[in-house]
Amino acid sequence: MDLRDQLKDLFPEHKASEQHPPASKPDFWIQDDPLICKYEKRKGKPITIVEGYTGADTDFKKLTSKLKKNFSVGGSYKNDAIIIQGDYRDQIMVLLKKMGFNVKRVGG
């Protein structure tokens, strides 16, 4: 007899509340230090750079892939920085905050 059965015996008129599934575990390691999101132009084309992630390379690649797919743009992961083609600072910051990261905007 488990605890729920014992509680049903003690409180027969109580209706069990609807149980919510546990919150899904994030796919990435969430760090305490903020990620730095900045904007640059290289060869005249705008890019967004996300730096400061200290997780494993596999997590970094998953995060890069998720950002690229979410915004349907090209990009890469080089030298511990995620490079996204185009100026997506605001949208990337909102997405990363929803994922649980602390984000800091650098530059104009």
PDB file of N, CA and C in Angstrom:
ATOM      1  N   MET A   1       0.851  -1.173   0.000  1.00  0.00           N
ATOM      2  CA  MET A   1       0.000   0.000   0.000  1.00  0.00           C
ATOM      3  C   MET A   1       0.902   1.243   0.000  1.00  0.00           C
ATOM      4  N   ASP A   2       0.723   2.076  -1.015  1.00  0.00           N
ATOM      5  CA  ASP A   2       1.562   3.266  -1.094  1.00  0.00           C
ATOM      6  C   ASP A   2       0.884   4.441  -0.391  1.00  0.00           C
ATOM      7  N   LEU A   3       1.536   5.539  -0.385  1.00  0.00           N
ATOM      8  CA  LEU A   3       1.077   6.721   0.344  1.00  0.00           C
ATOM      9  C   LEU A   3      -0.257   7.238  -0.186  1.00  0.00           C
ATOM     10  N   ARG A   4      -0.465   7.195  -1.482  1.00  0.00           N
ATOM     11  CA  ARG A   4      -1.731   7.680  -2.052  1.00  0.00           C
ATOM     12  C   ARG A   4      -2.912   6.851  -1.567  1.00  0.00           C
ATOM     13  N   ASP A   5      -2.735   5.533  -1.515  1.00  0.00           N
ATOM     14  CA  ASP A   5      -3.808   4.672  -1.029  1.00  0.00           C
ATOM     15  C   ASP A   5      -4.110   4.962   0.440  1.00  0.00           C
ATOM     16  N   GLN A   6      -3.082   5.207   1.226  1.00  0.00           N
ATOM     17  CA  GLN A   6      -3.281   5.525   2.633  1.00  0.00           C
ATOM     18  C   GLN A   6      -4.021   6.858   2.781  1.00  0.00           C
ATOM     19  N   LEU A   7      -3.669   7.839   1.965  1.00  0.00           N
ATOM     20  CA  LEU A   7      -4.347   9.130   2.031  1.00  0.00           C
ATOM     21  C   LEU A   7      -5.802   9.023   1.586  1.00  0.00           C
ATOM     22  N   LYS A   8      -6.096   8.159   0.602  1.00  0.00           N
ATOM     23  CA  LYS A   8      -7.474   7.957   0.168  1.00  0.00           C
ATOM     24  C   LYS A   8      -8.295   7.339   1.284  1.00  0.00           C
ATOM     25  N   ASP A   9      -7.683   6.446   2.058  1.00  0.00           N
ATOM     26  CA  ASP A   9      -8.392   5.836   3.186  1.00  0.00           C
ATOM     27  C   ASP A   9      -8.678   6.866   4.271  1.00  0.00           C
ATOM     28  N   LEU A  10      -7.724   7.789   4.510  1.00  0.00           N
ATOM     29  CA  LEU A  10      -7.909   8.797   5.544  1.00  0.00           C
ATOM     30  C   LEU A  10      -8.882   9.896   5.125  1.00  0.00           C
ATOM     31  N   PHE A  11      -8.860  10.271   3.832  1.00  0.00           N
ATOM     32  CA  PHE A  11      -9.700  11.361   3.339  1.00  0.00           C
ATOM     33  C   PHE A  11     -10.483  10.893   2.109  1.00  0.00           C
ATOM     34  N   PRO A  12     -11.549  10.115   2.315  1.00  0.00           N
ATOM     35  CA  PRO A  12     -12.276   9.538   1.175  1.00  0.00           C
ATOM     36  C   PRO A  12     -13.006  10.583   0.333  1.00  0.00           C
ATOM     37  N   GLU A  13     -13.403  11.721   0.916  1.00  0.00           N
ATOM     38  CA  GLU A  13     -14.161  12.723   0.160  1.00  0.00           C
ATOM     39  C   GLU A  13     -13.253  13.649  -0.664  1.00  0.00           C
ATOM     40  N   HIS A  14     -11.953  13.587  -0.439  1.00  0.00           N
ATOM     41  CA  HIS A  14     -11.022  14.450  -1.168  1.00  0.00           C
ATOM     42  C   HIS A  14     -10.827  13.943  -2.594  1.00  0.00           C
ATOM     43  N   LYS A  15     -10.951  14.876  -3.533  1.00  0.00           N
ATOM     44  CA  LYS A  15     -10.717  14.523  -4.922  1.00  0.00           C
ATOM     45  C   LYS A  15      -9.279  14.883  -5.269  1.00  0.00           C
ATOM     46  N   ALA A  16      -8.613  13.976  -5.921  1.00  0.00           N
ATOM     47  CA  ALA A  16      -7.217  14.215  -6.295  1.00  0.00           C
ATOM     48  C   ALA A  16      -7.160  15.320  -7.338  1.00  0.00           C
ATOM     49  N   SER A  17      -6.245  16.242  -7.133  1.00  0.00           N
ATOM     50  CA  SER A  17      -6.091  17.329  -8.093  1.00  0.00           C
ATOM     51  C   SER A  17      -5.404  16.813  -9.347  1.00  0.00           C
ATOM     52  N   GLU A  18      -5.609  17.540 -10.412  1.00  0.00           N
ATOM     53  CA  GLU A  18      -4.995  17.157 -11.683  1.00  0.00           C
ATOM     54  C   GLU A  18      -3.490  17.315 -11.579  1.00  0.00           C
ATOM     55  N   GLN A  19      -2.769  16.279 -11.918  1.00  0.00           N
ATOM     56  CA  GLN A  19      -1.315  16.338 -11.816  1.00  0.00           C
ATOM     57  C   GLN A  19      -0.728  16.821 -13.128  1.00  0.00           C
ATOM     58  N   HIS A  20       0.227  17.735 -13.008  1.00  0.00           N
ATOM     59  CA  HIS A  20       0.925  18.244 -14.176  1.00  0.00           C
ATOM     60  C   HIS A  20       2.204  17.437 -14.351  1.00  0.00           C
ATOM     61  N   PRO A  21       2.572  17.177 -15.599  1.00  0.00           N
ATOM     62  CA  PRO A  21       3.835  16.457 -15.789  1.00  0.00           C
ATOM     63  C   PRO A  21       5.001  17.306 -15.314  1.00  0.00           C
ATOM     64  N   PRO A  22       6.054  16.689 -14.854  1.00  0.00           N
ATOM     65  CA  PRO A  22       7.191  17.474 -14.379  1.00  0.00           C
ATOM     66  C   PRO A  22       7.770  18.312 -15.506  1.00  0.00           C
ATOM     67  N   ALA A  23       8.321  19.459 -15.141  1.00  0.00           N
ATOM     68  CA  ALA A  23       8.912  20.353 -16.138  1.00  0.00           C
ATOM     69  C   ALA A  23      10.028  19.621 -16.865  1.00  0.00           C
ATOM     70  N   SER A  24      10.052  19.801 -18.172  1.00  0.00           N
ATOM     71  CA  SER A  24      11.054  19.090 -18.956  1.00  0.00           C
ATOM     72  C   SER A  24      12.448  19.606 -18.637  1.00  0.00           C
ATOM     73  N   LYS A  25      13.370  18.712 -18.632  1.00  0.00           N
ATOM     74  CA  LYS A  25      14.761  19.052 -18.359  1.00  0.00           C
ATOM     75  C   LYS A  25      15.316  19.821 -19.555  1.00  0.00           C
ATOM     76  N   PRO A  26      16.012  20.929 -19.332  1.00  0.00           N
ATOM     77  CA  PRO A  26      16.540  21.666 -20.475  1.00  0.00           C
ATOM     78  C   PRO A  26      17.577  20.842 -21.231  1.00  0.00           C
ATOM     79  N   ASP A  27      17.631  21.082 -22.540  1.00  0.00           N
ATOM     80  CA  ASP A  27      18.562  20.344 -23.388  1.00  0.00           C
ATOM     81  C   ASP A  27      20.002  20.798 -23.184  1.00  0.00           C
ATOM     82  N   PHE A  28      20.184  21.968 -22.593  1.00  0.00           N
ATOM     83  CA  PHE A  28      21.504  22.563 -22.482  1.00  0.00           C
ATOM     84  C   PHE A  28      21.844  22.795 -21.022  1.00  0.00           C
ATOM     85  N   TRP A  29      23.122  22.926 -20.764  1.00  0.00           N
ATOM     86  CA  TRP A  29      23.571  23.287 -19.430  1.00  0.00           C
ATOM     87  C   TRP A  29      23.332  24.781 -19.268  1.00  0.00           C
ATOM     88  N   ILE A  30      22.558  25.155 -18.245  1.00  0.00           N
ATOM     89  CA  ILE A  30      22.239  26.557 -17.991  1.00  0.00           C
ATOM     90  C   ILE A  30      23.258  27.085 -16.994  1.00  0.00           C
ATOM     91  N   GLN A  31      23.939  28.141 -17.369  1.00  0.00           N
ATOM     92  CA  GLN A  31      24.985  28.703 -16.521  1.00  0.00           C
ATOM     93  C   GLN A  31      24.481  29.938 -15.792  1.00  0.00           C
ATOM     94  N   ASP A  32      25.199  30.310 -14.734  1.00  0.00           N
ATOM     95  CA  ASP A  32      24.826  31.483 -13.957  1.00  0.00           C
ATOM     96  C   ASP A  32      25.319  32.772 -14.603  1.00  0.00           C
ATOM     97  N   ASP A  33      26.478  32.742 -15.222  1.00  0.00           N
ATOM     98  CA  ASP A  33      27.031  33.936 -15.864  1.00  0.00           C
ATOM     99  C   ASP A  33      26.209  34.282 -17.096  1.00  0.00           C
ATOM    100  N   PRO A  34      26.038  35.568 -17.385  1.00  0.00           N
ATOM    101  CA  PRO A  34      25.233  35.944 -18.544  1.00  0.00           C
ATOM    102  C   PRO A  34      25.956  35.681 -19.867  1.00  0.00           C
ATOM    103  N   LEU A  35      25.167  35.352 -20.879  1.00  0.00           N
ATOM    104  CA  LEU A  35      25.688  35.252 -22.228  1.00  0.00           C
ATOM    105  C   LEU A  35      25.753  36.665 -22.800  1.00  0.00           C
ATOM    106  N   ILE A  36      26.731  36.933 -23.622  1.00  0.00           N
ATOM    107  CA  ILE A  36      26.901  38.256 -24.208  1.00  0.00           C
ATOM    108  C   ILE A  36      26.394  38.202 -25.644  1.00  0.00           C
ATOM    109  N   CYS A  37      25.454  39.068 -25.962  1.00  0.00           N
ATOM    110  CA  CYS A  37      24.865  39.117 -27.289  1.00  0.00           C
ATOM    111  C   CYS A  37      25.247  40.453 -27.915  1.00  0.00           C
ATOM    112  N   LYS A  38      25.983  40.414 -29.029  1.00  0.00           N
ATOM    113  CA  LYS A  38      26.423  41.659 -29.647  1.00  0.00           C
ATOM    114  C   LYS A  38      26.243  41.608 -31.154  1.00  0.00           C
ATOM    115  N   TYR A  39      26.340  42.778 -31.760  1.00  0.00           N
ATOM    116  CA  TYR A  39      26.115  42.965 -33.183  1.00  0.00           C
ATOM    117  C   TYR A  39      27.382  43.512 -33.823  1.00  0.00           C
ATOM    118  N   GLU A  40      27.729  42.968 -34.978  1.00  0.00           N
ATOM    119  CA  GLU A  40      28.890  43.453 -35.727  1.00  0.00           C
ATOM    120  C   GLU A  40      28.562  43.428 -37.204  1.00  0.00           C
ATOM    121  N   LYS A  41      29.404  44.100 -37.967  1.00  0.00           N
ATOM    122  CA  LYS A  41      29.341  43.998 -39.420  1.00  0.00           C
ATOM    123  C   LYS A  41      30.670  43.442 -39.895  1.00  0.00           C
ATOM    124  N   ARG A  42      30.590  42.410 -40.687  1.00  0.00           N
ATOM    125  CA  ARG A  42      31.784  41.813 -41.271  1.00  0.00           C
ATOM    126  C   ARG A  42      31.604  41.787 -42.777  1.00  0.00           C
ATOM    127  N   LYS A  43      32.551  42.393 -43.463  1.00  0.00           N
ATOM    128  CA  LYS A  43      32.488  42.516 -44.919  1.00  0.00           C
ATOM    129  C   LYS A  43      31.185  43.184 -45.345  1.00  0.00           C
ATOM    130  N   GLY A  44      30.707  44.138 -44.538  1.00  0.00           N
ATOM    131  CA  GLY A  44      29.504  44.887 -44.857  1.00  0.00           C
ATOM    132  C   GLY A  44      28.201  44.190 -44.536  1.00  0.00           C
ATOM    133  N   LYS A  45      28.247  42.983 -44.002  1.00  0.00           N
ATOM    134  CA  LYS A  45      27.028  42.238 -43.702  1.00  0.00           C
ATOM    135  C   LYS A  45      26.845  42.131 -42.198  1.00  0.00           C
ATOM    136  N   PRO A  46      25.604  42.307 -41.714  1.00  0.00           N
ATOM    137  CA  PRO A  46      25.362  42.255 -40.271  1.00  0.00           C
ATOM    138  C   PRO A  46      25.379  40.819 -39.739  1.00  0.00           C
ATOM    139  N   ILE A  47      25.945  40.650 -38.548  1.00  0.00           N
ATOM    140  CA  ILE A  47      25.924  39.360 -37.859  1.00  0.00           C
ATOM    141  C   ILE A  47      25.648  39.589 -36.378  1.00  0.00           C
ATOM    142  N   THR A  48      25.091  38.603 -35.749  1.00  0.00           N
ATOM    143  CA  THR A  48      24.859  38.608 -34.306  1.00  0.00           C
ATOM    144  C   THR A  48      25.779  37.567 -33.693  1.00  0.00           C
ATOM    145  N   ILE A  49      26.476  37.947 -32.630  1.00  0.00           N
ATOM    146  CA  ILE A  49      27.421  37.052 -31.974  1.00  0.00           C
ATOM    147  C   ILE A  49      26.964  36.804 -30.541  1.00  0.00           C
ATOM    148  N   VAL A  50      26.913  35.540 -30.148  1.00  0.00           N
ATOM    149  CA  VAL A  50      26.581  35.156 -28.776  1.00  0.00           C
ATOM    150  C   VAL A  50      27.836  34.514 -28.192  1.00  0.00           C
ATOM    151  N   GLU A  51      28.365  35.115 -27.131  1.00  0.00           N
ATOM    152  CA  GLU A  51      29.596  34.633 -26.502  1.00  0.00           C
ATOM    153  C   GLU A  51      29.353  34.387 -25.016  1.00  0.00           C
ATOM    154  N   GLY A  52      30.294  33.695 -24.408  1.00  0.00           N
ATOM    155  CA  GLY A  52      30.277  33.538 -22.959  1.00  0.00           C
ATOM    156  C   GLY A  52      29.694  32.242 -22.461  1.00  0.00           C
ATOM    157  N   TYR A  53      29.318  31.328 -23.341  1.00  0.00           N
ATOM    158  CA  TYR A  53      28.773  30.049 -22.892  1.00  0.00           C
ATOM    159  C   TYR A  53      29.918  29.139 -22.486  1.00  0.00           C
ATOM    160  N   THR A  54      29.814  28.555 -21.309  1.00  0.00           N
ATOM    161  CA  THR A  54      30.907  27.735 -20.794  1.00  0.00           C
ATOM    162  C   THR A  54      30.555  26.247 -20.733  1.00  0.00           C
ATOM    163  N   GLY A  55      29.502  25.852 -21.422  1.00  0.00           N
ATOM    164  CA  GLY A  55      29.101  24.453 -21.414  1.00  0.00           C
ATOM    165  C   GLY A  55      29.969  23.611 -22.335  1.00  0.00           C
ATOM    166  N   ALA A  56      29.591  22.368 -22.484  1.00  0.00           N
ATOM    167  CA  ALA A  56      30.326  21.443 -23.344  1.00  0.00           C
ATOM    168  C   ALA A  56      30.130  21.816 -24.811  1.00  0.00           C
ATOM    169  N   ASP A  57      31.041  21.355 -25.647  1.00  0.00           N
ATOM    170  CA  ASP A  57      30.947  21.642 -27.076  1.00  0.00           C
ATOM    171  C   ASP A  57      29.660  21.094 -27.681  1.00  0.00           C
ATOM    172  N   THR A  58      29.220  19.924 -27.234  1.00  0.00           N
ATOM    173  CA  THR A  58      27.996  19.348 -27.777  1.00  0.00           C
ATOM    174  C   THR A  58      26.790  20.225 -27.447  1.00  0.00           C
ATOM    175  N   ASP A  59      26.749  20.767 -26.223  1.00  0.00           N
ATOM    176  CA  ASP A  59      25.668  21.677 -25.856  1.00  0.00           C
ATOM    177  C   ASP A  59      25.725  22.951 -26.687  1.00  0.00           C
ATOM    178  N   PHE A  60      26.936  23.438 -26.928  1.00  0.00           N
ATOM    179  CA  PHE A  60      27.129  24.644 -27.726  1.00  0.00           C
ATOM    180  C   PHE A  60      26.602  24.420 -29.146  1.00  0.00           C
ATOM    181  N   LYS A  61      26.893  23.258 -29.705  1.00  0.00           N
ATOM    182  CA  LYS A  61      26.436  22.953 -31.058  1.00  0.00           C
ATOM    183  C   LYS A  61      24.919  22.802 -31.101  1.00  0.00           C
ATOM    184  N   LYS A  62      24.323  22.189 -30.079  1.00  0.00           N
ATOM    185  CA  LYS A  62      22.865  22.071 -30.021  1.00  0.00           C
ATOM    186  C   LYS A  62      22.210  23.442 -29.941  1.00  0.00           C
ATOM    187  N   LEU A  63      22.791  24.319 -29.131  1.00  0.00           N
ATOM    188  CA  LEU A  63      22.258  25.669 -28.986  1.00  0.00           C
ATOM    189  C   LEU A  63      22.369  26.438 -30.303  1.00  0.00           C
ATOM    190  N   THR A  64      23.489  26.293 -30.988  1.00  0.00           N
ATOM    191  CA  THR A  64      23.676  26.933 -32.287  1.00  0.00           C
ATOM    192  C   THR A  64      22.635  26.436 -33.276  1.00  0.00           C
ATOM    193  N   SER A  65      22.439  25.141 -33.318  1.00  0.00           N
ATOM    194  CA  SER A  65      21.472  24.547 -34.230  1.00  0.00           C
ATOM    195  C   SER A  65      20.061  25.036 -33.929  1.00  0.00           C
ATOM    196  N   LYS A  66      19.715  25.119 -32.657  1.00  0.00           N
ATOM    197  CA  LYS A  66      18.380  25.576 -32.271  1.00  0.00           C
ATOM    198  C   LYS A  66      18.149  27.023 -32.699  1.00  0.00           C
ATOM    199  N   LEU A  67      19.137  27.887 -32.493  1.00  0.00           N
ATOM    200  CA  LEU A  67      19.000  29.287 -32.891  1.00  0.00           C
ATOM    201  C   LEU A  67      18.861  29.409 -34.410  1.00  0.00           C
ATOM    202  N   LYS A  68      19.677  28.683 -35.141  1.00  0.00           N
ATOM    203  CA  LYS A  68      19.629  28.760 -36.601  1.00  0.00           C
ATOM    204  C   LYS A  68      18.288  28.271 -37.134  1.00  0.00           C
ATOM    205  N   LYS A  69      17.781  27.187 -36.588  1.00  0.00           N
ATOM    206  CA  LYS A  69      16.502  26.649 -37.044  1.00  0.00           C
ATOM    207  C   LYS A  69      15.348  27.565 -36.664  1.00  0.00           C
ATOM    208  N   ASN A  70      15.412  28.156 -35.477  1.00  0.00           N
ATOM    209  CA  ASN A  70      14.330  29.012 -35.010  1.00  0.00           C
ATOM    210  C   ASN A  70      14.176  30.248 -35.886  1.00  0.00           C
ATOM    211  N   PHE A  71      15.278  30.819 -36.331  1.00  0.00           N
ATOM    212  CA  PHE A  71      15.225  32.039 -37.135  1.00  0.00           C
ATOM    213  C   PHE A  71      15.406  31.769 -38.625  1.00  0.00           C
ATOM    214  N   SER A  72      15.575  30.525 -39.020  1.00  0.00           N
ATOM    215  CA  SER A  72      15.738  30.134 -40.418  1.00  0.00           C
ATOM    216  C   SER A  72      16.845  30.932 -41.101  1.00  0.00           C
ATOM    217  N   VAL A  73      17.990  30.989 -40.438  1.00  0.00           N
ATOM    218  CA  VAL A  73      19.140  31.714 -40.978  1.00  0.00           C
ATOM    219  C   VAL A  73      20.371  30.829 -40.891  1.00  0.00           C
ATOM    220  N   GLY A  74      21.422  31.276 -41.552  1.00  0.00           N
ATOM    221  CA  GLY A  74      22.684  30.571 -41.481  1.00  0.00           C
ATOM    222  C   GLY A  74      23.483  31.036 -40.286  1.00  0.00           C
ATOM    223  N   GLY A  75      24.498  30.295 -39.974  1.00  0.00           N
ATOM    224  CA  GLY A  75      25.360  30.659 -38.861  1.00  0.00           C
ATOM    225  C   GLY A  75      26.356  29.554 -38.604  1.00  0.00           C
ATOM    226  N   SER A  76      27.186  29.769 -37.603  1.00  0.00           N
ATOM    227  CA  SER A  76      28.197  28.767 -37.275  1.00  0.00           C
ATOM    228  C   SER A  76      28.604  28.894 -35.819  1.00  0.00           C
ATOM    229  N   TYR A  77      29.425  27.942 -35.410  1.00  0.00           N
ATOM    230  CA  TYR A  77      29.986  27.920 -34.062  1.00  0.00           C
ATOM    231  C   TYR A  77      31.490  27.874 -34.218  1.00  0.00           C
ATOM    232  N   LYS A  78      32.156  28.972 -33.842  1.00  0.00           N
ATOM    233  CA  LYS A  78      33.613  29.045 -33.972  1.00  0.00           C
ATOM    234  C   LYS A  78      34.197  29.743 -32.758  1.00  0.00           C
ATOM    235  N   ASN A  79      35.314  29.258 -32.276  1.00  0.00           N
ATOM    236  CA  ASN A  79      36.073  29.902 -31.198  1.00  0.00           C
ATOM    237  C   ASN A  79      35.190  30.281 -30.003  1.00  0.00           C
ATOM    238  N   ASP A  80      34.383  29.352 -29.548  1.00  0.00           N
ATOM    239  CA  ASP A  80      33.495  29.552 -28.397  1.00  0.00           C
ATOM    240  C   ASP A  80      32.542  30.722 -28.586  1.00  0.00           C
ATOM    241  N   ALA A  81      32.061  30.935 -29.804  1.00  0.00           N
ATOM    242  CA  ALA A  81      31.073  31.969 -30.098  1.00  0.00           C
ATOM    243  C   ALA A  81      30.098  31.428 -31.134  1.00  0.00           C
ATOM    244  N   ILE A  82      28.839  31.800 -30.971  1.00  0.00           N
ATOM    245  CA  ILE A  82      27.817  31.456 -31.950  1.00  0.00           C
ATOM    246  C   ILE A  82      27.656  32.666 -32.859  1.00  0.00           C
ATOM    247  N   ILE A  83      27.787  32.454 -34.157  1.00  0.00           N
ATOM    248  CA  ILE A  83      27.674  33.531 -35.126  1.00  0.00           C
ATOM    249  C   ILE A  83      26.418  33.276 -35.954  1.00  0.00           C
ATOM    250  N   ILE A  84      25.465  34.211 -35.890  1.00  0.00           N
ATOM    251  CA  ILE A  84      24.207  34.109 -36.617  1.00  0.00           C
ATOM    252  C   ILE A  84      24.181  35.210 -37.669  1.00  0.00           C
ATOM    253  N   GLN A  85      23.823  34.870 -38.901  1.00  0.00           N
ATOM    254  CA  GLN A  85      23.768  35.862 -39.964  1.00  0.00           C
ATOM    255  C   GLN A  85      22.548  36.753 -39.785  1.00  0.00           C
ATOM    256  N   GLY A  86      22.767  38.062 -39.762  1.00  0.00           N
ATOM    257  CA  GLY A  86      21.685  39.027 -39.615  1.00  0.00           C
ATOM    258  C   GLY A  86      21.659  39.616 -38.218  1.00  0.00           C
ATOM    259  N   ASP A  87      20.885  40.685 -38.063  1.00  0.00           N
ATOM    260  CA  ASP A  87      20.761  41.351 -36.769  1.00  0.00           C
ATOM    261  C   ASP A  87      19.532  40.803 -36.046  1.00  0.00           C
ATOM    262  N   TYR A  88      19.738  39.806 -35.213  1.00  0.00           N
ATOM    263  CA  TYR A  88      18.666  39.150 -34.466  1.00  0.00           C
ATOM    264  C   TYR A  88      18.884  39.274 -32.959  1.00  0.00           C
ATOM    265  N   ARG A  89      19.546  40.330 -32.517  1.00  0.00           N
ATOM    266  CA  ARG A  89      19.872  40.462 -31.096  1.00  0.00           C
ATOM    267  C   ARG A  89      18.641  40.367 -30.208  1.00  0.00           C
ATOM    268  N   ASP A  90      17.630  41.164 -30.505  1.00  0.00           N
ATOM    269  CA  ASP A  90      16.450  41.206 -29.635  1.00  0.00           C
ATOM    270  C   ASP A  90      15.732  39.858 -29.593  1.00  0.00           C
ATOM    271  N   GLN A  91      15.536  39.242 -30.756  1.00  0.00           N
ATOM    272  CA  GLN A  91      14.834  37.963 -30.795  1.00  0.00           C
ATOM    273  C   GLN A  91      15.640  36.864 -30.110  1.00  0.00           C
ATOM    274  N   ILE A  92      16.961  36.875 -30.293  1.00  0.00           N
ATOM    275  CA  ILE A  92      17.808  35.866 -29.651  1.00  0.00           C
ATOM    276  C   ILE A  92      17.789  36.043 -28.142  1.00  0.00           C
ATOM    277  N   MET A  93      17.818  37.289 -27.682  1.00  0.00           N
ATOM    278  CA  MET A  93      17.793  37.540 -26.245  1.00  0.00           C
ATOM    279  C   MET A  93      16.488  37.037 -25.632  1.00  0.00           C
ATOM    280  N   VAL A  94      15.361  37.261 -26.299  1.00  0.00           N
ATOM    281  CA  VAL A  94      14.068  36.794 -25.796  1.00  0.00           C
ATOM    282  C   VAL A  94      14.042  35.265 -25.739  1.00  0.00           C
ATOM    283  N   LEU A  95      14.520  34.625 -26.802  1.00  0.00           N
ATOM    284  CA  LEU A  95      14.528  33.165 -26.845  1.00  0.00           C
ATOM    285  C   LEU A  95      15.421  32.572 -25.760  1.00  0.00           C
ATOM    286  N   LEU A  96      16.619  33.137 -25.593  1.00  0.00           N
ATOM    287  CA  LEU A  96      17.535  32.617 -24.576  1.00  0.00           C
ATOM    288  C   LEU A  96      16.978  32.822 -23.172  1.00  0.00           C
ATOM    289  N   LYS A  97      16.290  33.935 -22.935  1.00  0.00           N
ATOM    290  CA  LYS A  97      15.681  34.160 -21.611  1.00  0.00           C
ATOM    291  C   LYS A  97      14.582  33.145 -21.351  1.00  0.00           C
ATOM    292  N   LYS A  98      13.804  32.803 -22.380  1.00  0.00           N
ATOM    293  CA  LYS A  98      12.769  31.783 -22.219  1.00  0.00           C
ATOM    294  C   LYS A  98      13.376  30.423 -21.896  1.00  0.00           C
ATOM    295  N   MET A  99      14.574  30.179 -22.428  1.00  0.00           N
ATOM    296  CA  MET A  99      15.257  28.908 -22.172  1.00  0.00           C
ATOM    297  C   MET A  99      15.897  28.880 -20.796  1.00  0.00           C
ATOM    298  N   GLY A 100      16.001  30.033 -20.122  1.00  0.00           N
ATOM    299  CA  GLY A 100      16.545  30.065 -18.772  1.00  0.00           C
ATOM    300  C   GLY A 100      17.903  30.687 -18.658  1.00  0.00           C
ATOM    301  N   PHE A 101      18.457  31.221 -19.726  1.00  0.00           N
ATOM    302  CA  PHE A 101      19.769  31.836 -19.690  1.00  0.00           C
ATOM    303  C   PHE A 101      19.661  33.291 -19.242  1.00  0.00           C
ATOM    304  N   ASN A 102      20.731  33.795 -18.637  1.00  0.00           N
ATOM    305  CA  ASN A 102      20.876  35.215 -18.387  1.00  0.00           C
ATOM    306  C   ASN A 102      21.581  35.796 -19.604  1.00  0.00           C
ATOM    307  N   VAL A 103      21.055  36.886 -20.135  1.00  0.00           N
ATOM    308  CA  VAL A 103      21.610  37.460 -21.357  1.00  0.00           C
ATOM    309  C   VAL A 103      21.914  38.921 -21.134  1.00  0.00           C
ATOM    310  N   LYS A 104      23.059  39.355 -21.652  1.00  0.00           N
ATOM    311  CA  LYS A 104      23.493  40.740 -21.528  1.00  0.00           C
ATOM    312  C   LYS A 104      23.740  41.281 -22.929  1.00  0.00           C
ATOM    313  N   ARG A 105      23.140  42.430 -23.221  1.00  0.00           N
ATOM    314  CA  ARG A 105      23.320  43.064 -24.521  1.00  0.00           C
ATOM    315  C   ARG A 105      24.525  43.962 -24.495  1.00  0.00           C
ATOM    316  N   VAL A 106      25.385  43.839 -25.506  1.00  0.00           N
ATOM    317  CA  VAL A 106      26.584  44.638 -25.596  1.00  0.00           C
ATOM    318  C   VAL A 106      26.515  45.437 -26.891  1.00  0.00           C
ATOM    319  N   GLY A 107      26.866  46.698 -26.827  1.00  0.00           N
ATOM    320  CA  GLY A 107      26.849  47.533 -28.017  1.00  0.00           C
ATOM    321  C   GLY A 107      25.562  48.321 -28.128  1.00  0.00           C
ATOM    322  N   GLY A 108      25.409  49.017 -29.242  1.00  0.00           N
ATOM    323  CA  GLY A 108      24.301  49.937 -29.465  1.00  0.00           C
ATOM    324  C   GLY A 108      22.952  49.407 -29.461  1.00  0.00           C
TER     325      GLY A 108
END
